[in-house]
Amino acid sequence: MTDILPETERIRRIVVAALEERKAVDLRVLDVRGLTSVTDLMVIASGTSDRHVKALADNVLERTREAGVRPLGVEGERAAEWVLVDLGDVVVHLMLPRVREFYQLEKLWSGGPGEALAAEGP
């Protein structure tokens, strides 16, 4: 990834590794710099069930906290159809496939400098 701040890249790597560890489905990283001032990267992944989505979110939170990264917010944990983990420059969206298909975040946020980046692991 070009011109991504080292701390943002570190968080991205932690998140991707945490999601791969729990077998996230269709993992994507979107570079949304220039499209929004809210965040630099969006990580989007699916879980096969609400329990899987919750497990993905829990692992992201556990791994980032172990690395000293505190989330700014977590939304949707209770229903676990769509869980958002706000890590500042990296926002993580974890969804059931039907929810992901309905909202089509990849399409909504396409067009950034890195558009759909590979979810390169650590």
PDB file of N, CA and C in Angstrom:
ATOM      1  N   MET A   1       0.852  -1.170   0.000  1.00  0.00           N
ATOM      2  CA  MET A   1       0.000   0.000   0.000  1.00  0.00           C
ATOM      3  C   MET A   1       0.890   1.222   0.000  1.00  0.00           C
ATOM      4  N   THR A   2       0.574   2.132  -0.865  1.00  0.00           N
ATOM      5  CA  THR A   2       1.411   3.307  -0.998  1.00  0.00           C
ATOM      6  C   THR A   2       0.934   4.437  -0.109  1.00  0.00           C
ATOM      7  N   ASP A   3       1.901   5.098   0.496  1.00  0.00           N
ATOM      8  CA  ASP A   3       1.649   6.296   1.294  1.00  0.00           C
ATOM      9  C   ASP A   3       0.697   6.096   2.472  1.00  0.00           C
ATOM     10  N   ILE A   4       0.553   4.896   2.947  1.00  0.00           N
ATOM     11  CA  ILE A   4      -0.248   4.646   4.145  1.00  0.00           C
ATOM     12  C   ILE A   4       0.671   4.871   5.344  1.00  0.00           C
ATOM     13  N   LEU A   5       0.179   5.580   6.334  1.00  0.00           N
ATOM     14  CA  LEU A   5       0.978   5.828   7.530  1.00  0.00           C
ATOM     15  C   LEU A   5       1.370   4.505   8.183  1.00  0.00           C
ATOM     16  N   PRO A   6       2.582   4.434   8.751  1.00  0.00           N
ATOM     17  CA  PRO A   6       3.031   3.172   9.367  1.00  0.00           C
ATOM     18  C   PRO A   6       2.062   2.626  10.421  1.00  0.00           C
ATOM     19  N   GLU A   7       1.486   3.483  11.239  1.00  0.00           N
ATOM     20  CA  GLU A   7       0.555   3.003  12.275  1.00  0.00           C
ATOM     21  C   GLU A   7      -0.715   2.432  11.644  1.00  0.00           C
ATOM     22  N   THR A   8      -1.197   3.065  10.589  1.00  0.00           N
ATOM     23  CA  THR A   8      -2.384   2.571   9.884  1.00  0.00           C
ATOM     24  C   THR A   8      -2.094   1.207   9.271  1.00  0.00           C
ATOM     25  N   GLU A   9      -0.921   1.069   8.670  1.00  0.00           N
ATOM     26  CA  GLU A   9      -0.519  -0.208   8.077  1.00  0.00           C
ATOM     27  C   GLU A   9      -0.399  -1.287   9.152  1.00  0.00           C
ATOM     28  N   ARG A  10       0.136  -0.928  10.310  1.00  0.00           N
ATOM     29  CA  ARG A  10       0.266  -1.886  11.414  1.00  0.00           C
ATOM     30  C   ARG A  10      -1.112  -2.378  11.860  1.00  0.00           C
ATOM     31  N   ILE A  11      -2.057  -1.458  11.992  1.00  0.00           N
ATOM     32  CA  ILE A  11      -3.417  -1.832  12.400  1.00  0.00           C
ATOM     33  C   ILE A  11      -4.059  -2.708  11.332  1.00  0.00           C
ATOM     34  N   ARG A  12      -3.873  -2.357  10.057  1.00  0.00           N
ATOM     35  CA  ARG A  12      -4.434  -3.162   8.962  1.00  0.00           C
ATOM     36  C   ARG A  12      -3.923  -4.593   9.043  1.00  0.00           C
ATOM     37  N   ARG A  13      -2.644  -4.748   9.261  1.00  0.00           N
ATOM     38  CA  ARG A  13      -2.052  -6.091   9.332  1.00  0.00           C
ATOM     39  C   ARG A  13      -2.615  -6.892  10.508  1.00  0.00           C
ATOM     40  N   ILE A  14      -2.771  -6.239  11.640  1.00  0.00           N
ATOM     41  CA  ILE A  14      -3.334  -6.908  12.819  1.00  0.00           C
ATOM     42  C   ILE A  14      -4.761  -7.364  12.536  1.00  0.00           C
ATOM     43  N   VAL A  15      -5.558  -6.472  11.941  1.00  0.00           N
ATOM     44  CA  VAL A  15      -6.960  -6.780  11.641  1.00  0.00           C
ATOM     45  C   VAL A  15      -7.060  -7.929  10.645  1.00  0.00           C
ATOM     46  N   VAL A  16      -6.299  -7.850   9.558  1.00  0.00           N
ATOM     47  CA  VAL A  16      -6.346  -8.899   8.536  1.00  0.00           C
ATOM     48  C   VAL A  16      -5.934 -10.245   9.138  1.00  0.00           C
ATOM     49  N   ALA A  17      -4.877 -10.251   9.934  1.00  0.00           N
ATOM     50  CA  ALA A  17      -4.435 -11.505  10.565  1.00  0.00           C
ATOM     51  C   ALA A  17      -5.509 -12.057  11.498  1.00  0.00           C
ATOM     52  N   ALA A  18      -6.147 -11.174  12.274  1.00  0.00           N
ATOM     53  CA  ALA A  18      -7.207 -11.610  13.199  1.00  0.00           C
ATOM     54  C   ALA A  18      -8.379 -12.212  12.439  1.00  0.00           C
ATOM     55  N   LEU A  19      -8.725 -11.620  11.307  1.00  0.00           N
ATOM     56  CA  LEU A  19      -9.849 -12.126  10.516  1.00  0.00           C
ATOM     57  C   LEU A  19      -9.491 -13.437   9.825  1.00  0.00           C
ATOM     58  N   GLU A  20      -8.284 -13.522   9.306  1.00  0.00           N
ATOM     59  CA  GLU A  20      -7.856 -14.771   8.668  1.00  0.00           C
ATOM     60  C   GLU A  20      -7.778 -15.904   9.688  1.00  0.00           C
ATOM     61  N   GLU A  21      -7.363 -15.572  10.897  1.00  0.00           N
ATOM     62  CA  GLU A  21      -7.265 -16.557  11.980  1.00  0.00           C
ATOM     63  C   GLU A  21      -8.620 -17.200  12.279  1.00  0.00           C
ATOM     64  N   ARG A  22      -9.688 -16.437  12.144  1.00  0.00           N
ATOM     65  CA  ARG A  22     -11.042 -16.933  12.427  1.00  0.00           C
ATOM     66  C   ARG A  22     -11.819 -17.250  11.146  1.00  0.00           C
ATOM     67  N   LYS A  23     -11.095 -17.374  10.035  1.00  0.00           N
ATOM     68  CA  LYS A  23     -11.686 -17.834   8.766  1.00  0.00           C
ATOM     69  C   LYS A  23     -12.771 -16.906   8.213  1.00  0.00           C
ATOM     70  N   ALA A  24     -12.490 -15.604   8.180  1.00  0.00           N
ATOM     71  CA  ALA A  24     -13.411 -14.647   7.568  1.00  0.00           C
ATOM     72  C   ALA A  24     -13.577 -14.983   6.087  1.00  0.00           C
ATOM     73  N   VAL A  25     -14.740 -14.678   5.557  1.00  0.00           N
ATOM     74  CA  VAL A  25     -15.066 -14.962   4.162  1.00  0.00           C
ATOM     75  C   VAL A  25     -14.993 -13.660   3.360  1.00  0.00           C
ATOM     76  N   ASP A  26     -14.436 -13.740   2.144  1.00  0.00           N
ATOM     77  CA  ASP A  26     -14.397 -12.615   1.200  1.00  0.00           C
ATOM     78  C   ASP A  26     -13.843 -11.342   1.846  1.00  0.00           C
ATOM     79  N   LEU A  27     -12.653 -11.453   2.374  1.00  0.00           N
ATOM     80  CA  LEU A  27     -11.978 -10.349   3.054  1.00  0.00           C
ATOM     81  C   LEU A  27     -11.464  -9.343   2.033  1.00  0.00           C
ATOM     82  N   ARG A  28     -11.835  -8.085   2.214  1.00  0.00           N
ATOM     83  CA  ARG A  28     -11.408  -7.010   1.307  1.00  0.00           C
ATOM     84  C   ARG A  28     -10.918  -5.826   2.115  1.00  0.00           C
ATOM     85  N   VAL A  29      -9.929  -5.121   1.583  1.00  0.00           N
ATOM     86  CA  VAL A  29      -9.450  -3.874   2.175  1.00  0.00           C
ATOM     87  C   VAL A  29      -9.628  -2.788   1.132  1.00  0.00           C
ATOM     88  N   LEU A  30     -10.355  -1.734   1.499  1.00  0.00           N
ATOM     89  CA  LEU A  30     -10.592  -0.618   0.587  1.00  0.00           C
ATOM     90  C   LEU A  30      -9.844   0.610   1.067  1.00  0.00           C
ATOM     91  N   ASP A  31      -9.127   1.248   0.162  1.00  0.00           N
ATOM     92  CA  ASP A  31      -8.440   2.499   0.446  1.00  0.00           C
ATOM     93  C   ASP A  31      -9.424   3.618   0.118  1.00  0.00           C
ATOM     94  N   VAL A  32      -9.926   4.288   1.138  1.00  0.00           N
ATOM     95  CA  VAL A  32     -10.955   5.316   0.932  1.00  0.00           C
ATOM     96  C   VAL A  32     -10.421   6.726   1.179  1.00  0.00           C
ATOM     97  N   ARG A  33      -9.095   6.859   1.220  1.00  0.00           N
ATOM     98  CA  ARG A  33      -8.524   8.204   1.334  1.00  0.00           C
ATOM     99  C   ARG A  33      -8.972   9.010   0.121  1.00  0.00           C
ATOM    100  N   GLY A  34      -9.340  10.221   0.327  1.00  0.00           N
ATOM    101  CA  GLY A  34      -9.820  11.049  -0.770  1.00  0.00           C
ATOM    102  C   GLY A  34     -11.318  10.947  -0.980  1.00  0.00           C
ATOM    103  N   LEU A  35     -11.941   9.925  -0.431  1.00  0.00           N
ATOM    104  CA  LEU A  35     -13.393   9.767  -0.535  1.00  0.00           C
ATOM    105  C   LEU A  35     -14.095  10.193   0.743  1.00  0.00           C
ATOM    106  N   THR A  36     -13.382  10.104   1.866  1.00  0.00           N
ATOM    107  CA  THR A  36     -13.941  10.481   3.160  1.00  0.00           C
ATOM    108  C   THR A  36     -12.810  10.936   4.075  1.00  0.00           C
ATOM    109  N   SER A  37     -13.133  11.820   4.979  1.00  0.00           N
ATOM    110  CA  SER A  37     -12.130  12.259   5.953  1.00  0.00           C
ATOM    111  C   SER A  37     -12.249  11.462   7.254  1.00  0.00           C
ATOM    112  N   VAL A  38     -13.191  10.544   7.303  1.00  0.00           N
ATOM    113  CA  VAL A  38     -13.465   9.777   8.518  1.00  0.00           C
ATOM    114  C   VAL A  38     -12.418   8.697   8.772  1.00  0.00           C
ATOM    115  N   THR A  39     -11.931   8.064   7.723  1.00  0.00           N
ATOM    116  CA  THR A  39     -10.985   6.952   7.863  1.00  0.00           C
ATOM    117  C   THR A  39     -10.143   6.835   6.606  1.00  0.00           C
ATOM    118  N   ASP A  40      -9.061   6.077   6.674  1.00  0.00           N
ATOM    119  CA  ASP A  40      -8.217   5.835   5.504  1.00  0.00           C
ATOM    120  C   ASP A  40      -8.533   4.501   4.840  1.00  0.00           C
ATOM    121  N   LEU A  41      -8.770   3.480   5.659  1.00  0.00           N
ATOM    122  CA  LEU A  41      -9.004   2.137   5.137  1.00  0.00           C
ATOM    123  C   LEU A  41     -10.279   1.552   5.715  1.00  0.00           C
ATOM    124  N   MET A  42     -10.990   0.805   4.890  1.00  0.00           N
ATOM    125  CA  MET A  42     -12.122   0.016   5.356  1.00  0.00           C
ATOM    126  C   MET A  42     -11.796  -1.444   5.090  1.00  0.00           C
ATOM    127  N   VAL A  43     -11.956  -2.235   6.108  1.00  0.00           N
ATOM    128  CA  VAL A  43     -11.787  -3.679   5.977  1.00  0.00           C
ATOM    129  C   VAL A  43     -13.190  -4.269   6.043  1.00  0.00           C
ATOM    130  N   ILE A  44     -13.539  -5.037   5.019  1.00  0.00           N
ATOM    131  CA  ILE A  44     -14.880  -5.619   4.931  1.00  0.00           C
ATOM    132  C   ILE A  44     -14.727  -7.135   4.815  1.00  0.00           C
ATOM    133  N   ALA A  45     -15.493  -7.851   5.627  1.00  0.00           N
ATOM    134  CA  ALA A  45     -15.453  -9.313   5.578  1.00  0.00           C
ATOM    135  C   ALA A  45     -16.813  -9.860   5.979  1.00  0.00           C
ATOM    136  N   SER A  46     -17.058 -11.087   5.584  1.00  0.00           N
ATOM    137  CA  SER A  46     -18.315 -11.749   5.929  1.00  0.00           C
ATOM    138  C   SER A  46     -18.056 -12.904   6.883  1.00  0.00           C
ATOM    139  N   GLY A  47     -19.090 -13.198   7.657  1.00  0.00           N
ATOM    140  CA  GLY A  47     -19.109 -14.380   8.497  1.00  0.00           C
ATOM    141  C   GLY A  47     -20.241 -15.269   8.026  1.00  0.00           C
ATOM    142  N   THR A  48     -20.159 -16.538   8.298  1.00  0.00           N
ATOM    143  CA  THR A  48     -21.152 -17.488   7.799  1.00  0.00           C
ATOM    144  C   THR A  48     -22.424 -17.534   8.638  1.00  0.00           C
ATOM    145  N   SER A  49     -22.373 -16.967   9.839  1.00  0.00           N
ATOM    146  CA  SER A  49     -23.532 -16.926  10.733  1.00  0.00           C
ATOM    147  C   SER A  49     -23.348 -15.747  11.678  1.00  0.00           C
ATOM    148  N   ASP A  50     -24.394 -15.417  12.437  1.00  0.00           N
ATOM    149  CA  ASP A  50     -24.251 -14.320  13.393  1.00  0.00           C
ATOM    150  C   ASP A  50     -23.188 -14.657  14.446  1.00  0.00           C
ATOM    151  N   ARG A  51     -23.089 -15.920  14.824  1.00  0.00           N
ATOM    152  CA  ARG A  51     -22.054 -16.329  15.786  1.00  0.00           C
ATOM    153  C   ARG A  51     -20.656 -16.159  15.202  1.00  0.00           C
ATOM    154  N   HIS A  52     -20.518 -16.455  13.910  1.00  0.00           N
ATOM    155  CA  HIS A  52     -19.225 -16.297  13.248  1.00  0.00           C
ATOM    156  C   HIS A  52     -18.859 -14.814  13.159  1.00  0.00           C
ATOM    157  N   VAL A  53     -19.821 -13.964  12.803  1.00  0.00           N
ATOM    158  CA  VAL A  53     -19.578 -12.520  12.745  1.00  0.00           C
ATOM    159  C   VAL A  53     -19.124 -12.020  14.115  1.00  0.00           C
ATOM    160  N   LYS A  54     -19.794 -12.461  15.167  1.00  0.00           N
ATOM    161  CA  LYS A  54     -19.436 -12.057  16.533  1.00  0.00           C
ATOM    162  C   LYS A  54     -18.034 -12.547  16.887  1.00  0.00           C
ATOM    163  N   ALA A  55     -17.706 -13.779  16.514  1.00  0.00           N
ATOM    164  CA  ALA A  55     -16.369 -14.320  16.787  1.00  0.00           C
ATOM    165  C   ALA A  55     -15.295 -13.532  16.039  1.00  0.00           C
ATOM    166  N   LEU A  56     -15.591 -13.132  14.806  1.00  0.00           N
ATOM    167  CA  LEU A  56     -14.651 -12.309  14.041  1.00  0.00           C
ATOM    168  C   LEU A  56     -14.407 -10.983  14.755  1.00  0.00           C
ATOM    169  N   ALA A  57     -15.492 -10.333  15.164  1.00  0.00           N
ATOM    170  CA  ALA A  57     -15.379  -9.047  15.858  1.00  0.00           C
ATOM    171  C   ALA A  57     -14.606  -9.197  17.162  1.00  0.00           C
ATOM    172  N   ASP A  58     -14.928 -10.228  17.921  1.00  0.00           N
ATOM    173  CA  ASP A  58     -14.238 -10.457  19.192  1.00  0.00           C
ATOM    174  C   ASP A  58     -12.739 -10.653  18.981  1.00  0.00           C
ATOM    175  N   ASN A  59     -12.370 -11.385  17.933  1.00  0.00           N
ATOM    176  CA  ASN A  59     -10.951 -11.630  17.684  1.00  0.00           C
ATOM    177  C   ASN A  59     -10.236 -10.356  17.238  1.00  0.00           C
ATOM    178  N   VAL A  60     -10.893  -9.544  16.414  1.00  0.00           N
ATOM    179  CA  VAL A  60     -10.307  -8.258  16.018  1.00  0.00           C
ATOM    180  C   VAL A  60     -10.073  -7.401  17.260  1.00  0.00           C
ATOM    181  N   LEU A  61     -11.069  -7.327  18.127  1.00  0.00           N
ATOM    182  CA  LEU A  61     -10.939  -6.525  19.347  1.00  0.00           C
ATOM    183  C   LEU A  61      -9.834  -7.061  20.255  1.00  0.00           C
ATOM    184  N   GLU A  62      -9.770  -8.372  20.403  1.00  0.00           N
ATOM    185  CA  GLU A  62      -8.747  -8.976  21.259  1.00  0.00           C
ATOM    186  C   GLU A  62      -7.347  -8.705  20.718  1.00  0.00           C
ATOM    187  N   ARG A  63      -7.149  -8.941  19.433  1.00  0.00           N
ATOM    188  CA  ARG A  63      -5.816  -8.773  18.830  1.00  0.00           C
ATOM    189  C   ARG A  63      -5.380  -7.305  18.811  1.00  0.00           C
ATOM    190  N   THR A  64      -6.298  -6.398  18.524  1.00  0.00           N
ATOM    191  CA  THR A  64      -5.914  -4.982  18.504  1.00  0.00           C
ATOM    192  C   THR A  64      -5.618  -4.486  19.918  1.00  0.00           C
ATOM    193  N   ARG A  65      -6.403  -4.918  20.877  1.00  0.00           N
ATOM    194  CA  ARG A  65      -6.135  -4.508  22.269  1.00  0.00           C
ATOM    195  C   ARG A  65      -4.789  -5.045  22.750  1.00  0.00           C
ATOM    196  N   GLU A  66      -4.473  -6.289  22.377  1.00  0.00           N
ATOM    197  CA  GLU A  66      -3.161  -6.860  22.725  1.00  0.00           C
ATOM    198  C   GLU A  66      -2.023  -6.014  22.158  1.00  0.00           C
ATOM    199  N   ALA A  67      -2.273  -5.383  21.014  1.00  0.00           N
ATOM    200  CA  ALA A  67      -1.263  -4.552  20.349  1.00  0.00           C
ATOM    201  C   ALA A  67      -1.314  -3.101  20.818  1.00  0.00           C
ATOM    202  N   GLY A  68      -2.160  -2.826  21.802  1.00  0.00           N
ATOM    203  CA  GLY A  68      -2.240  -1.476  22.349  1.00  0.00           C
ATOM    204  C   GLY A  68      -3.134  -0.528  21.577  1.00  0.00           C
ATOM    205  N   VAL A  69      -3.970  -1.065  20.707  1.00  0.00           N
ATOM    206  CA  VAL A  69      -4.889  -0.241  19.915  1.00  0.00           C
ATOM    207  C   VAL A  69      -6.267  -0.311  20.553  1.00  0.00           C
ATOM    208  N   ARG A  70      -6.791   0.836  20.947  1.00  0.00           N
ATOM    209  CA  ARG A  70      -8.107   0.900  21.581  1.00  0.00           C
ATOM    210  C   ARG A  70      -9.142   1.307  20.540  1.00  0.00           C
ATOM    211  N   PRO A  71     -10.229   0.586  20.432  1.00  0.00           N
ATOM    212  CA  PRO A  71     -11.275   0.971  19.474  1.00  0.00           C
ATOM    213  C   PRO A  71     -11.958   2.267  19.907  1.00  0.00           C
ATOM    214  N   LEU A  72     -12.302   3.088  18.922  1.00  0.00           N
ATOM    215  CA  LEU A  72     -13.060   4.307  19.199  1.00  0.00           C
ATOM    216  C   LEU A  72     -14.525   3.970  19.429  1.00  0.00           C
ATOM    217  N   GLY A  73     -14.962   2.854  18.853  1.00  0.00           N
ATOM    218  CA  GLY A  73     -16.343   2.429  19.032  1.00  0.00           C
ATOM    219  C   GLY A  73     -16.591   1.081  18.394  1.00  0.00           C
ATOM    220  N   VAL A  74     -17.611   0.413  18.898  1.00  0.00           N
ATOM    221  CA  VAL A  74     -18.045  -0.875  18.350  1.00  0.00           C
ATOM    222  C   VAL A  74     -19.561  -0.826  18.303  1.00  0.00           C
ATOM    223  N   GLU A  75     -20.127  -1.119  17.147  1.00  0.00           N
ATOM    224  CA  GLU A  75     -21.582  -1.095  16.971  1.00  0.00           C
ATOM    225  C   GLU A  75     -22.062  -2.424  16.420  1.00  0.00           C
ATOM    226  N   GLY A  76     -23.236  -2.855  16.835  1.00  0.00           N
ATOM    227  CA  GLY A  76     -23.890  -4.019  16.256  1.00  0.00           C
ATOM    228  C   GLY A  76     -23.523  -5.359  16.852  1.00  0.00           C
ATOM    229  N   GLU A  77     -22.788  -5.368  17.948  1.00  0.00           N
ATOM    230  CA  GLU A  77     -22.359  -6.643  18.539  1.00  0.00           C
ATOM    231  C   GLU A  77     -23.522  -7.514  18.994  1.00  0.00           C
ATOM    232  N   ARG A  78     -24.564  -6.904  19.458  1.00  0.00           N
ATOM    233  CA  ARG A  78     -25.685  -7.663  20.022  1.00  0.00           C
ATOM    234  C   ARG A  78     -26.366  -8.549  18.967  1.00  0.00           C
ATOM    235  N   ALA A  79     -26.771  -7.958  17.852  1.00  0.00           N
ATOM    236  CA  ALA A  79     -27.444  -8.729  16.799  1.00  0.00           C
ATOM    237  C   ALA A  79     -26.442  -9.495  15.938  1.00  0.00           C
ATOM    238  N   ALA A  80     -25.253  -8.929  15.771  1.00  0.00           N
ATOM    239  CA  ALA A  80     -24.149  -9.547  15.027  1.00  0.00           C
ATOM    240  C   ALA A  80     -24.490  -9.884  13.580  1.00  0.00           C
ATOM    241  N   GLU A  81     -25.366  -9.086  12.973  1.00  0.00           N
ATOM    242  CA  GLU A  81     -25.588  -9.220  11.531  1.00  0.00           C
ATOM    243  C   GLU A  81     -24.609  -8.320  10.786  1.00  0.00           C
ATOM    244  N   TRP A  82     -24.282  -7.177  11.402  1.00  0.00           N
ATOM    245  CA  TRP A  82     -23.298  -6.235  10.889  1.00  0.00           C
ATOM    246  C   TRP A  82     -22.632  -5.611  12.102  1.00  0.00           C
ATOM    247  N   VAL A  83     -21.379  -5.915  12.293  1.00  0.00           N
ATOM    248  CA  VAL A  83     -20.617  -5.332  13.396  1.00  0.00           C
ATOM    249  C   VAL A  83     -19.589  -4.381  12.804  1.00  0.00           C
ATOM    250  N   LEU A  84     -19.564  -3.166  13.320  1.00  0.00           N
ATOM    251  CA  LEU A  84     -18.596  -2.166  12.902  1.00  0.00           C
ATOM    252  C   LEU A  84     -17.620  -1.935  14.049  1.00  0.00           C
ATOM    253  N   VAL A  85     -16.335  -2.041  13.746  1.00  0.00           N
ATOM    254  CA  VAL A  85     -15.287  -1.765  14.726  1.00  0.00           C
ATOM    255  C   VAL A  85     -14.505  -0.565  14.204  1.00  0.00           C
ATOM    256  N   ASP A  86     -14.588   0.551  14.923  1.00  0.00           N
ATOM    257  CA  ASP A  86     -13.909   1.783  14.524  1.00  0.00           C
ATOM    258  C   ASP A  86     -12.562   1.856  15.228  1.00  0.00           C
ATOM    259  N   LEU A  87     -11.509   1.724  14.442  1.00  0.00           N
ATOM    260  CA  LEU A  87     -10.148   1.797  14.973  1.00  0.00           C
ATOM    261  C   LEU A  87      -9.454   3.077  14.511  1.00  0.00           C
ATOM    262  N   GLY A  88     -10.236   4.093  14.191  1.00  0.00           N
ATOM    263  CA  GLY A  88      -9.678   5.363  13.738  1.00  0.00           C
ATOM    264  C   GLY A  88      -9.415   5.339  12.245  1.00  0.00           C
ATOM    265  N   ASP A  89      -8.147   5.219  11.854  1.00  0.00           N
ATOM    266  CA  ASP A  89      -7.797   5.218  10.437  1.00  0.00           C
ATOM    267  C   ASP A  89      -8.153   3.912   9.733  1.00  0.00           C
ATOM    268  N   VAL A  90      -8.602   2.922  10.493  1.00  0.00           N
ATOM    269  CA  VAL A  90      -9.072   1.650   9.935  1.00  0.00           C
ATOM    270  C   VAL A  90     -10.442   1.358  10.543  1.00  0.00           C
ATOM    271  N   VAL A  91     -11.438   1.218   9.673  1.00  0.00           N
ATOM    272  CA  VAL A  91     -12.787   0.863  10.119  1.00  0.00           C
ATOM    273  C   VAL A  91     -13.099  -0.524   9.573  1.00  0.00           C
ATOM    274  N   VAL A  92     -13.561  -1.397  10.448  1.00  0.00           N
ATOM    275  CA  VAL A  92     -13.815  -2.793  10.090  1.00  0.00           C
ATOM    276  C   VAL A  92     -15.318  -3.041  10.050  1.00  0.00           C
ATOM    277  N   HIS A  93     -15.799  -3.584   8.925  1.00  0.00           N
ATOM    278  CA  HIS A  93     -17.210  -3.953   8.757  1.00  0.00           C
ATOM    279  C   HIS A  93     -17.274  -5.471   8.631  1.00  0.00           C
ATOM    280  N   LEU A  94     -17.972  -6.114   9.549  1.00  0.00           N
ATOM    281  CA  LEU A  94     -18.142  -7.565   9.529  1.00  0.00           C
ATOM    282  C   LEU A  94     -19.625  -7.851   9.380  1.00  0.00           C
ATOM    283  N   MET A  95     -19.993  -8.589   8.334  1.00  0.00           N
ATOM    284  CA  MET A  95     -21.407  -8.742   8.000  1.00  0.00           C
ATOM    285  C   MET A  95     -21.768 -10.159   7.589  1.00  0.00           C
ATOM    286  N   LEU A  96     -23.053 -10.445   7.780  1.00  0.00           N
ATOM    287  CA  LEU A  96     -23.605 -11.643   7.165  1.00  0.00           C
ATOM    288  C   LEU A  96     -23.653 -11.398   5.658  1.00  0.00           C
ATOM    289  N   PRO A  97     -23.531 -12.439   4.836  1.00  0.00           N
ATOM    290  CA  PRO A  97     -23.532 -12.252   3.385  1.00  0.00           C
ATOM    291  C   PRO A  97     -24.757 -11.500   2.848  1.00  0.00           C
ATOM    292  N   ARG A  98     -25.952 -11.788   3.372  1.00  0.00           N
ATOM    293  CA  ARG A  98     -27.153 -11.109   2.855  1.00  0.00           C
ATOM    294  C   ARG A  98     -27.137  -9.620   3.180  1.00  0.00           C
ATOM    295  N   VAL A  99     -26.582  -9.255   4.331  1.00  0.00           N
ATOM    296  CA  VAL A  99     -26.469  -7.846   4.719  1.00  0.00           C
ATOM    297  C   VAL A  99     -25.434  -7.159   3.835  1.00  0.00           C
ATOM    298  N   ARG A 100     -24.342  -7.839   3.601  1.00  0.00           N
ATOM    299  CA  ARG A 100     -23.288  -7.285   2.745  1.00  0.00           C
ATOM    300  C   ARG A 100     -23.792  -7.071   1.327  1.00  0.00           C
ATOM    301  N   GLU A 101     -24.535  -8.019   0.817  1.00  0.00           N
ATOM    302  CA  GLU A 101     -25.102  -7.902  -0.530  1.00  0.00           C
ATOM    303  C   GLU A 101     -26.076  -6.733  -0.604  1.00  0.00           C
ATOM    304  N   PHE A 102     -26.885  -6.553   0.423  1.00  0.00           N
ATOM    305  CA  PHE A 102     -27.883  -5.480   0.433  1.00  0.00           C
ATOM    306  C   PHE A 102     -27.224  -4.097   0.435  1.00  0.00           C
ATOM    307  N   TYR A 103     -26.224  -3.894   1.305  1.00  0.00           N
ATOM    308  CA  TYR A 103     -25.613  -2.568   1.449  1.00  0.00           C
ATOM    309  C   TYR A 103     -24.504  -2.285   0.442  1.00  0.00           C
ATOM    310  N   GLN A 104     -23.874  -3.300  -0.095  1.00  0.00           N
ATOM    311  CA  GLN A 104     -22.857  -3.163  -1.135  1.00  0.00           C
ATOM    312  C   GLN A 104     -21.830  -2.062  -0.844  1.00  0.00           C
ATOM    313  N   LEU A 105     -21.194  -2.152   0.305  1.00  0.00           N
ATOM    314  CA  LEU A 105     -20.212  -1.137   0.690  1.00  0.00           C
ATOM    315  C   LEU A 105     -19.051  -1.033  -0.292  1.00  0.00           C
ATOM    316  N   GLU A 106     -18.634  -2.151  -0.859  1.00  0.00           N
ATOM    317  CA  GLU A 106     -17.538  -2.101  -1.831  1.00  0.00           C
ATOM    318  C   GLU A 106     -17.902  -1.205  -3.006  1.00  0.00           C
ATOM    319  N   LYS A 107     -19.120  -1.308  -3.467  1.00  0.00           N
ATOM    320  CA  LYS A 107     -19.575  -0.482  -4.585  1.00  0.00           C
ATOM    321  C   LYS A 107     -19.700   0.979  -4.155  1.00  0.00           C
ATOM    322  N   LEU A 108     -20.241   1.196  -2.977  1.00  0.00           N
ATOM    323  CA  LEU A 108     -20.423   2.548  -2.451  1.00  0.00           C
ATOM    324  C   LEU A 108     -19.096   3.280  -2.316  1.00  0.00           C
ATOM    325  N   TRP A 109     -18.066   2.584  -1.848  1.00  0.00           N
ATOM    326  CA  TRP A 109     -16.784   3.218  -1.569  1.00  0.00           C
ATOM    327  C   TRP A 109     -15.731   2.962  -2.636  1.00  0.00           C
ATOM    328  N   SER A 110     -16.099   2.478  -3.791  1.00  0.00           N
ATOM    329  CA  SER A 110     -15.107   2.258  -4.842  1.00  0.00           C
ATOM    330  C   SER A 110     -14.653   3.598  -5.399  1.00  0.00           C
ATOM    331  N   GLY A 111     -13.487   3.605  -5.996  1.00  0.00           N
ATOM    332  CA  GLY A 111     -12.983   4.825  -6.607  1.00  0.00           C
ATOM    333  C   GLY A 111     -11.888   5.510  -5.831  1.00  0.00           C
ATOM    334  N   GLY A 112     -11.495   4.953  -4.691  1.00  0.00           N
ATOM    335  CA  GLY A 112     -10.400   5.539  -3.924  1.00  0.00           C
ATOM    336  C   GLY A 112      -9.072   5.249  -4.600  1.00  0.00           C
ATOM    337  N   PRO A 113      -7.975   5.824  -4.097  1.00  0.00           N
ATOM    338  CA  PRO A 113      -6.673   5.653  -4.726  1.00  0.00           C
ATOM    339  C   PRO A 113      -6.223   4.200  -4.827  1.00  0.00           C
ATOM    340  N   GLY A 114      -6.589   3.386  -3.856  1.00  0.00           N
ATOM    341  CA  GLY A 114      -6.202   1.983  -3.900  1.00  0.00           C
ATOM    342  C   GLY A 114      -7.380   1.098  -4.198  1.00  0.00           C
ATOM    343  N   GLU A 115      -8.528   1.705  -4.405  1.00  0.00           N
ATOM    344  CA  GLU A 115      -9.813   1.050  -4.645  1.00  0.00           C
ATOM    345  C   GLU A 115      -9.947  -0.231  -3.848  1.00  0.00           C
ATOM    346  N   ALA A 116      -9.826  -1.379  -4.466  1.00  0.00           N
ATOM    347  CA  ALA A 116      -9.967  -2.642  -3.726  1.00  0.00           C
ATOM    348  C   ALA A 116      -8.581  -3.251  -3.594  1.00  0.00           C
ATOM    349  N   LEU A 117      -7.974  -3.063  -2.464  1.00  0.00           N
ATOM    350  CA  LEU A 117      -6.628  -3.558  -2.234  1.00  0.00           C
ATOM    351  C   LEU A 117      -6.678  -5.010  -1.783  1.00  0.00           C
ATOM    352  N   ALA A 118      -5.639  -5.727  -2.109  1.00  0.00           N
ATOM    353  CA  ALA A 118      -5.545  -7.102  -1.629  1.00  0.00           C
ATOM    354  C   ALA A 118      -5.448  -7.076  -0.114  1.00  0.00           C
ATOM    355  N   ALA A 119      -6.007  -8.053   0.511  1.00  0.00           N
ATOM    356  CA  ALA A 119      -5.987  -8.135   1.975  1.00  0.00           C
ATOM    357  C   ALA A 119      -4.711  -8.822   2.432  1.00  0.00           C
ATOM    358  N   GLU A 120      -3.569  -8.304   1.943  1.00  0.00           N
ATOM    359  CA  GLU A 120      -2.285  -8.914   2.259  1.00  0.00           C
ATOM    360  C   GLU A 120      -2.132  -9.093   3.754  1.00  0.00           C
ATOM    361  N   GLY A 121      -1.775 -10.275   4.148  1.00  0.00           N
ATOM    362  CA  GLY A 121      -1.585 -10.568   5.565  1.00  0.00           C
ATOM    363  C   GLY A 121      -0.294  -9.977   6.099  1.00  0.00           C
ATOM    364  N   PRO A 122       0.076 -10.349   7.294  1.00  0.00           N
ATOM    365  CA  PRO A 122       1.265  -9.784   7.950  1.00  0.00           C
ATOM    366  C   PRO A 122       2.567 -10.048   7.243  1.00  0.00           C
TER     367      PRO A 122
END
